[in-house]
Amino acid sequence: MRTSLVMERLERVPVSITLTPALSMLALITDALSGRARGAPESWRRLVRSTAAAQDDMVVRSLAWPGFSVLPDVVLPGDFTQDLDVPSQVAMLHEAPPDTLLAELEVITRGTPPVHWREAVDDPKRWLHGYADLVEETWTALCPLWTRMRPLLDREVERVAVATARRSLDVVLDDLHGGCSFRDGTFSFPDFEPERFTIGSRGLVLMPMLAGPDALIARLDSPDAVWIGYPLPGLAGALADAVPDAAPTPRQDMLAVVMGEVRARILAGLDRPLTMGTLARRVQYAPSVVTYHCDRLESAGLIARRRDGREIHVQRTGRGSALVELFSA
């Protein structure tokens, strides 16, 4: 089951990127406290769990109940078209009228809230203040990580800007995380409750998160712009044994900035057709790694593979060659 967002004329969609740490806190809270781990380093999850130990159990249950994805808009970033710091988000939660939460739950659950949200319905003010406290305490624990990863976040802002300017945003969207794809003008991802949306004249806001590789948070029904929170690319490589004080990876060439180092090396290395084995040796990655990334490059129409006896030959397509030439200019 997949939710889809139709963007047939991607080059005309207004695109922006914002850095909103409160969204990362939400992703890490649900990762650490729910039964659906999304791949965050265990050291981060321990920090969140130690923070949540003193928090309101009602709030924790509502967010961490396995098998559900009910998230009222009040827990999401307010003005997601610009950077929003955590203190501002916390203040918004404290100031939000309790009836706002009730109205949103009424719409989302069609008047029948699941059992883990019923306490919040009975005492919405307590829930809002409890969640605000949970976000604030989690931020206190993980703020140093955000600060250390800021160069990597800034690099992601540049990557999206370059891809947008070079009309290669489809490559970025096709690889926001392992379950996402962009095919024939449609962005899609796995969802418990699949829906279909069309972007129309709205803008697209991308929001990189410090989160596990399987984390994805999106709102596609906003009237002005749709936004997608996704795992920050390169985060795993910037961490040493999942300790949040490692230095970010160095700047790579512009093709690598847009599509990642491994795929950039594969695409650039295919200046002539090669067997998969020869390609793996040329780019100096394990064959299994090369196969995985070739699968994604082929899906994006950048390479083609054919079998000849026991060998698989791979070569760039015209589109792939044009992309390499574009970023080599």
Protein backbone atom coordinates (compact mmCIF):
# COMPACT_ATOMS: atom_id res chain seq x y z
CA MET A 1 0.00 0.00 0.00
CA ARG A 2 1.46 3.34 -1.09
CA THR A 3 0.49 6.98 -0.83
CA SER A 4 1.24 8.96 -3.98
CA LEU A 5 1.75 12.61 -4.89
CA VAL A 6 1.41 13.48 -8.56
CA MET A 7 3.91 16.13 -9.77
CA GLU A 8 3.81 15.74 -13.54
CA ARG A 9 5.63 19.04 -14.26
CA LEU A 10 8.23 18.88 -11.53
CA GLU A 11 10.35 21.63 -13.07
CA ARG A 12 7.50 24.10 -12.42
CA VAL A 13 6.92 23.16 -8.78
CA PRO A 14 8.23 25.80 -6.31
CA VAL A 15 10.72 23.92 -4.13
CA SER A 16 12.23 24.96 -0.81
CA ILE A 17 14.05 23.24 2.04
CA THR A 18 13.76 24.05 5.74
CA LEU A 19 15.62 22.93 8.84
CA THR A 20 13.15 22.27 11.65
CA PRO A 21 14.67 20.28 14.53
CA ALA A 22 11.32 19.69 16.25
CA LEU A 23 10.39 17.36 13.39
CA SER A 24 13.54 15.33 14.08
CA MET A 25 12.55 15.16 17.75
CA LEU A 26 9.14 13.76 16.76
CA ALA A 27 10.77 11.15 14.50
CA LEU A 28 13.21 10.09 17.23
CA ILE A 29 10.51 10.02 19.93
CA THR A 30 8.31 7.70 17.87
CA ASP A 31 11.33 5.59 16.89
CA ALA A 32 12.57 5.11 20.45
CA LEU A 33 9.22 4.63 22.16
CA SER A 34 7.14 2.71 19.63
CA GLY A 35 7.25 -0.87 18.47
CA ARG A 36 8.32 0.30 15.00
CA ALA A 37 12.02 1.18 15.20
CA ARG A 38 13.13 3.19 12.18
CA GLY A 39 16.87 2.62 12.38
CA ALA A 40 18.09 5.45 14.62
CA PRO A 41 21.38 4.67 16.40
CA GLU A 42 20.79 2.90 19.69
CA SER A 43 22.68 5.61 21.58
CA TRP A 44 20.10 8.18 20.43
CA ARG A 45 17.22 5.87 21.31
CA ARG A 46 18.61 5.38 24.80
CA LEU A 47 18.79 9.15 25.27
CA VAL A 48 15.17 9.55 24.23
CA ARG A 49 14.01 6.69 26.45
CA SER A 50 15.84 8.12 29.44
CA THR A 51 14.17 11.47 28.76
CA ALA A 52 10.73 9.92 28.32
CA ALA A 53 11.00 7.96 31.58
CA ALA A 54 9.89 11.04 33.54
CA GLN A 55 7.22 12.14 31.04
CA ASP A 56 3.45 11.76 31.02
CA ASP A 57 2.60 8.15 30.14
CA MET A 58 -0.56 9.33 28.35
CA VAL A 59 1.51 11.25 25.81
CA VAL A 60 3.98 8.43 25.31
CA ARG A 61 1.21 5.88 24.71
CA SER A 62 -0.58 8.05 22.16
CA LEU A 63 2.56 8.53 20.06
CA ALA A 64 4.18 5.13 20.51
CA TRP A 65 1.28 2.71 20.10
CA PRO A 66 2.36 0.07 17.57
CA GLY A 67 0.47 -0.23 14.30
CA PHE A 68 -1.01 3.28 14.25
CA SER A 69 0.13 6.54 12.67
CA VAL A 70 -2.35 9.07 14.06
CA LEU A 71 -0.53 12.41 14.25
CA PRO A 72 -2.67 15.54 14.68
CA ASP A 73 -1.33 18.61 12.90
CA VAL A 74 -0.68 20.35 16.20
CA VAL A 75 2.38 18.10 16.79
CA LEU A 76 3.82 19.00 13.38
CA PRO A 77 5.79 22.16 12.50
CA GLY A 78 3.67 25.28 12.42
CA ASP A 79 4.90 27.48 9.58
CA PHE A 80 6.81 24.79 7.71
CA THR A 81 7.84 27.17 4.92
CA GLN A 82 10.63 28.56 7.13
CA ASP A 83 13.07 27.28 9.73
CA LEU A 84 11.41 26.91 13.13
CA ASP A 85 13.41 26.40 16.30
CA VAL A 86 12.35 24.09 19.12
CA PRO A 87 11.57 26.83 21.70
CA SER A 88 9.11 28.37 19.22
CA GLN A 89 7.51 24.98 18.60
CA VAL A 90 7.24 24.33 22.35
CA ALA A 91 5.66 27.75 22.91
CA MET A 92 3.12 27.06 20.16
CA LEU A 93 2.15 23.79 21.85
CA HIS A 94 1.70 25.47 25.23
CA GLU A 95 -0.40 28.22 23.67
CA ALA A 96 -2.55 26.00 21.45
CA PRO A 97 -6.24 25.94 22.50
CA PRO A 98 -7.25 22.44 23.70
CA ASP A 99 -10.16 22.51 21.26
CA THR A 100 -7.64 22.53 18.40
CA LEU A 101 -6.40 19.08 19.36
CA LEU A 102 -9.96 17.79 19.79
CA ALA A 103 -11.03 19.09 16.39
CA GLU A 104 -8.03 17.54 14.64
CA LEU A 105 -8.54 14.16 16.31
CA GLU A 106 -12.23 14.30 15.35
CA VAL A 107 -11.30 14.72 11.67
CA ILE A 108 -8.42 12.22 11.63
CA THR A 109 -10.28 9.44 13.46
CA ARG A 110 -13.73 10.21 11.99
CA GLY A 111 -15.15 10.70 15.47
CA THR A 112 -13.89 7.39 16.88
CA PRO A 113 -10.46 7.89 18.44
CA PRO A 114 -8.41 4.72 18.96
CA VAL A 115 -7.96 3.58 22.53
CA HIS A 116 -4.52 5.11 22.95
CA TRP A 117 -5.87 8.61 22.15
CA ARG A 118 -8.94 8.52 24.40
CA GLU A 119 -7.12 9.95 27.42
CA ALA A 120 -6.00 12.88 25.26
CA VAL A 121 -9.62 13.48 24.25
CA ASP A 122 -10.58 13.56 27.91
CA ASP A 123 -7.81 16.02 28.82
CA PRO A 124 -6.42 17.75 25.69
CA LYS A 125 -4.66 20.53 27.62
CA ARG A 126 -2.70 17.99 29.64
CA TRP A 127 -1.70 16.21 26.42
CA LEU A 128 -0.52 19.39 24.68
CA HIS A 129 1.58 20.49 27.64
CA GLY A 130 2.91 16.97 28.16
CA TYR A 131 4.01 16.67 24.54
CA ALA A 132 5.61 20.12 24.67
CA ASP A 133 7.62 19.02 27.71
CA LEU A 134 8.65 15.79 25.97
CA VAL A 135 9.90 17.67 22.88
CA GLU A 136 11.74 20.19 25.03
CA GLU A 137 13.49 17.53 27.13
CA THR A 138 14.40 15.47 24.06
CA TRP A 139 15.85 18.58 22.43
CA THR A 140 17.92 19.31 25.53
CA ALA A 141 19.48 15.84 25.19
CA LEU A 142 19.98 15.92 21.43
CA CYS A 143 20.72 19.58 20.73
CA PRO A 144 24.50 18.88 20.66
CA LEU A 145 23.90 16.34 17.90
CA TRP A 146 22.01 18.90 15.79
CA THR A 147 24.81 21.41 16.31
CA ARG A 148 27.52 18.93 15.28
CA MET A 149 25.55 17.83 12.23
CA ARG A 150 24.80 21.37 11.09
CA PRO A 151 27.47 21.29 8.33
CA LEU A 152 25.88 18.13 6.95
CA LEU A 153 22.44 19.77 7.10
CA ASP A 154 23.80 22.80 5.25
CA ARG A 155 25.27 20.49 2.63
CA GLU A 156 21.82 18.95 2.13
CA VAL A 157 20.34 22.43 1.61
CA GLU A 158 22.95 22.97 -1.10
CA ARG A 159 22.29 19.55 -2.66
CA VAL A 160 18.58 20.24 -3.04
CA ALA A 161 19.23 23.74 -4.38
CA VAL A 162 21.69 22.43 -6.98
CA ALA A 163 19.36 19.61 -8.02
CA THR A 164 16.48 22.05 -8.38
CA ALA A 165 18.54 24.49 -10.43
CA ARG A 166 19.84 21.68 -12.68
CA ARG A 167 16.37 20.13 -13.05
CA SER A 168 17.53 16.92 -11.42
CA LEU A 169 15.19 16.95 -8.43
CA ASP A 170 13.62 13.70 -9.61
CA VAL A 171 16.88 11.93 -8.72
CA VAL A 172 16.67 13.35 -5.18
CA LEU A 173 12.99 12.42 -4.76
CA ASP A 174 13.62 8.90 -5.99
CA ASP A 175 16.00 8.31 -3.12
CA LEU A 176 14.65 10.24 -0.10
CA HIS A 177 14.61 6.92 1.72
CA GLY A 178 14.51 3.23 0.87
CA GLY A 179 10.73 3.05 0.39
CA CYS A 180 10.31 6.20 -1.70
CA SER A 181 10.21 6.35 -5.46
CA PHE A 182 9.62 8.92 -8.19
CA ARG A 183 8.26 7.43 -11.40
CA ASP A 184 6.45 9.05 -14.32
CA GLY A 185 5.81 12.28 -12.45
CA THR A 186 4.58 10.60 -9.27
CA PHE A 187 6.27 10.48 -5.87
CA SER A 188 5.15 7.57 -3.67
CA PHE A 189 5.96 5.86 -0.38
CA PRO A 190 4.56 3.02 1.77
CA ASP A 191 1.66 4.00 4.03
CA PHE A 192 -0.76 2.29 6.43
CA GLU A 193 -3.61 4.35 4.94
CA PRO A 194 -2.75 5.02 1.29
CA GLU A 195 -4.12 8.09 -0.47
CA ARG A 196 -3.51 9.87 -3.76
CA PHE A 197 -2.77 13.60 -4.02
CA THR A 198 -1.96 16.05 -6.80
CA ILE A 199 0.36 18.95 -6.04
CA GLY A 200 -1.35 21.34 -8.45
CA SER A 201 -0.07 24.89 -7.93
CA ARG A 202 1.22 24.23 -4.42
CA GLY A 203 4.87 24.30 -3.44
CA LEU A 204 7.05 21.44 -2.19
CA VAL A 205 8.96 21.79 1.08
CA LEU A 206 11.68 19.24 1.89
CA MET A 207 12.69 18.86 5.55
CA PRO A 208 15.78 16.72 6.30
CA MET A 209 15.67 15.03 9.70
CA LEU A 210 18.24 13.59 12.07
CA ALA A 211 16.48 10.26 12.20
CA GLY A 212 16.78 6.60 11.27
CA PRO A 213 16.93 5.69 7.57
CA ASP A 214 13.35 4.38 7.59
CA ALA A 215 11.79 7.52 9.08
CA LEU A 216 9.41 9.51 6.89
CA ILE A 217 6.85 12.13 7.98
CA ALA A 218 4.76 13.98 5.42
CA ARG A 219 1.75 16.21 5.03
CA LEU A 220 0.36 16.21 1.52
CA ASP A 221 -3.04 17.85 2.03
CA SER A 222 -2.00 21.35 3.14
CA PRO A 223 -3.63 24.05 0.99
CA ASP A 224 -0.47 26.08 0.28
CA ALA A 225 2.41 23.60 0.16
CA VAL A 226 3.11 19.93 0.74
CA TRP A 227 6.04 18.95 2.92
CA ILE A 228 8.09 15.82 3.38
CA GLY A 229 10.39 15.07 6.33
CA TYR A 230 13.06 12.53 5.38
CA PRO A 231 16.32 11.10 6.80
CA LEU A 232 19.34 13.35 6.30
CA PRO A 233 21.50 11.75 3.56
CA GLY A 234 25.03 10.84 4.58
CA LEU A 235 24.19 10.77 8.27
CA ALA A 236 25.34 7.19 8.78
CA GLY A 237 28.69 7.93 7.19
CA ALA A 238 29.12 11.00 9.38
CA LEU A 239 28.82 9.01 12.59
CA ALA A 240 31.51 6.91 14.20
CA ASP A 241 29.92 3.89 15.89
CA ALA A 242 26.69 5.89 16.22
CA VAL A 243 28.34 8.47 18.51
CA PRO A 244 26.83 11.92 17.80
CA ASP A 245 30.11 13.85 17.76
CA ALA A 246 31.67 12.68 14.52
CA ALA A 247 32.65 15.16 11.84
CA PRO A 248 30.53 15.36 8.66
CA THR A 249 31.83 13.87 5.45
CA PRO A 250 33.92 16.20 3.28
CA ARG A 251 32.41 18.01 0.35
CA GLN A 252 32.31 15.92 -2.83
CA ASP A 253 31.97 17.01 -6.44
CA MET A 254 28.63 18.41 -7.55
CA LEU A 255 27.34 15.15 -9.02
CA ALA A 256 27.96 13.44 -5.68
CA VAL A 257 26.27 16.32 -3.86
CA VAL A 258 23.09 15.66 -5.85
CA MET A 259 22.96 11.86 -5.91
CA GLY A 260 25.40 10.55 -3.32
CA GLU A 261 29.01 9.42 -3.63
CA VAL A 262 28.40 5.77 -4.53
CA ARG A 263 25.94 6.44 -7.34
CA ALA A 264 28.00 9.34 -8.63
CA ARG A 265 31.08 7.10 -8.85
CA ILE A 266 29.12 4.37 -10.60
CA LEU A 267 27.61 6.74 -13.13
CA ALA A 268 30.87 8.56 -13.78
CA GLY A 269 32.73 5.24 -14.04
CA LEU A 270 30.52 4.02 -16.87
CA ASP A 271 32.33 5.95 -19.59
CA ARG A 272 32.00 2.70 -21.56
CA PRO A 273 29.91 -0.46 -21.05
CA LEU A 274 31.30 -2.71 -18.31
CA THR A 275 30.42 -5.99 -16.67
CA MET A 276 29.08 -5.72 -13.13
CA GLY A 277 32.25 -7.31 -11.78
CA THR A 278 34.52 -4.88 -13.61
CA LEU A 279 32.38 -1.96 -12.48
CA ALA A 280 32.63 -3.07 -8.84
CA ARG A 281 36.41 -3.21 -9.10
CA ARG A 282 36.57 0.16 -10.82
CA VAL A 283 34.52 2.01 -8.20
CA GLN A 284 36.02 -0.05 -5.34
CA TYR A 285 32.76 -1.07 -3.68
CA ALA A 286 31.50 -4.55 -2.83
CA PRO A 287 29.48 -6.20 -5.63
CA SER A 288 26.37 -6.30 -3.42
CA VAL A 289 26.63 -2.54 -2.84
CA VAL A 290 27.08 -1.87 -6.56
CA THR A 291 24.10 -4.09 -7.40
CA TYR A 292 21.86 -2.25 -4.93
CA HIS A 293 22.76 1.18 -6.29
CA CYS A 294 22.55 0.00 -9.89
CA ASP A 295 18.98 -1.13 -9.17
CA ARG A 296 18.10 2.43 -8.17
CA LEU A 297 20.01 4.02 -11.05
CA GLU A 298 18.27 1.73 -13.51
CA SER A 299 14.87 2.56 -12.00
CA ALA A 300 15.65 6.24 -12.51
CA GLY A 301 16.48 5.60 -16.17
CA LEU A 302 20.16 6.52 -15.78
CA ILE A 303 21.70 3.14 -16.64
CA ALA A 304 20.66 -0.01 -18.49
CA ARG A 305 21.69 -3.64 -17.88
CA ARG A 306 21.58 -6.68 -20.12
CA ARG A 307 22.55 -10.29 -19.59
CA ASP A 308 25.01 -11.97 -21.95
CA GLY A 309 25.44 -15.58 -20.91
CA ARG A 310 26.70 -15.57 -17.32
CA GLU A 311 27.74 -11.91 -17.43
CA ILE A 312 25.63 -8.82 -16.80
CA HIS A 313 26.71 -5.76 -18.76
CA VAL A 314 25.83 -2.26 -17.63
CA GLN A 315 26.04 1.06 -19.45
CA ARG A 316 24.82 4.61 -19.09
CA THR A 317 21.65 5.64 -20.88
CA GLY A 318 21.45 8.88 -22.82
CA ARG A 319 19.85 10.49 -19.80
CA GLY A 320 22.63 9.24 -17.52
CA SER A 321 25.32 10.57 -19.86
CA ALA A 322 23.56 13.92 -20.09
CA LEU A 323 23.49 14.15 -16.28
CA VAL A 324 27.23 13.40 -16.00
CA GLU A 325 28.02 15.97 -18.70
CA LEU A 326 25.78 18.54 -17.03
CA PHE A 327 27.67 18.34 -13.76
CA SER A 328 31.06 18.08 -15.44
CA ALA A 329 30.60 21.34 -17.29
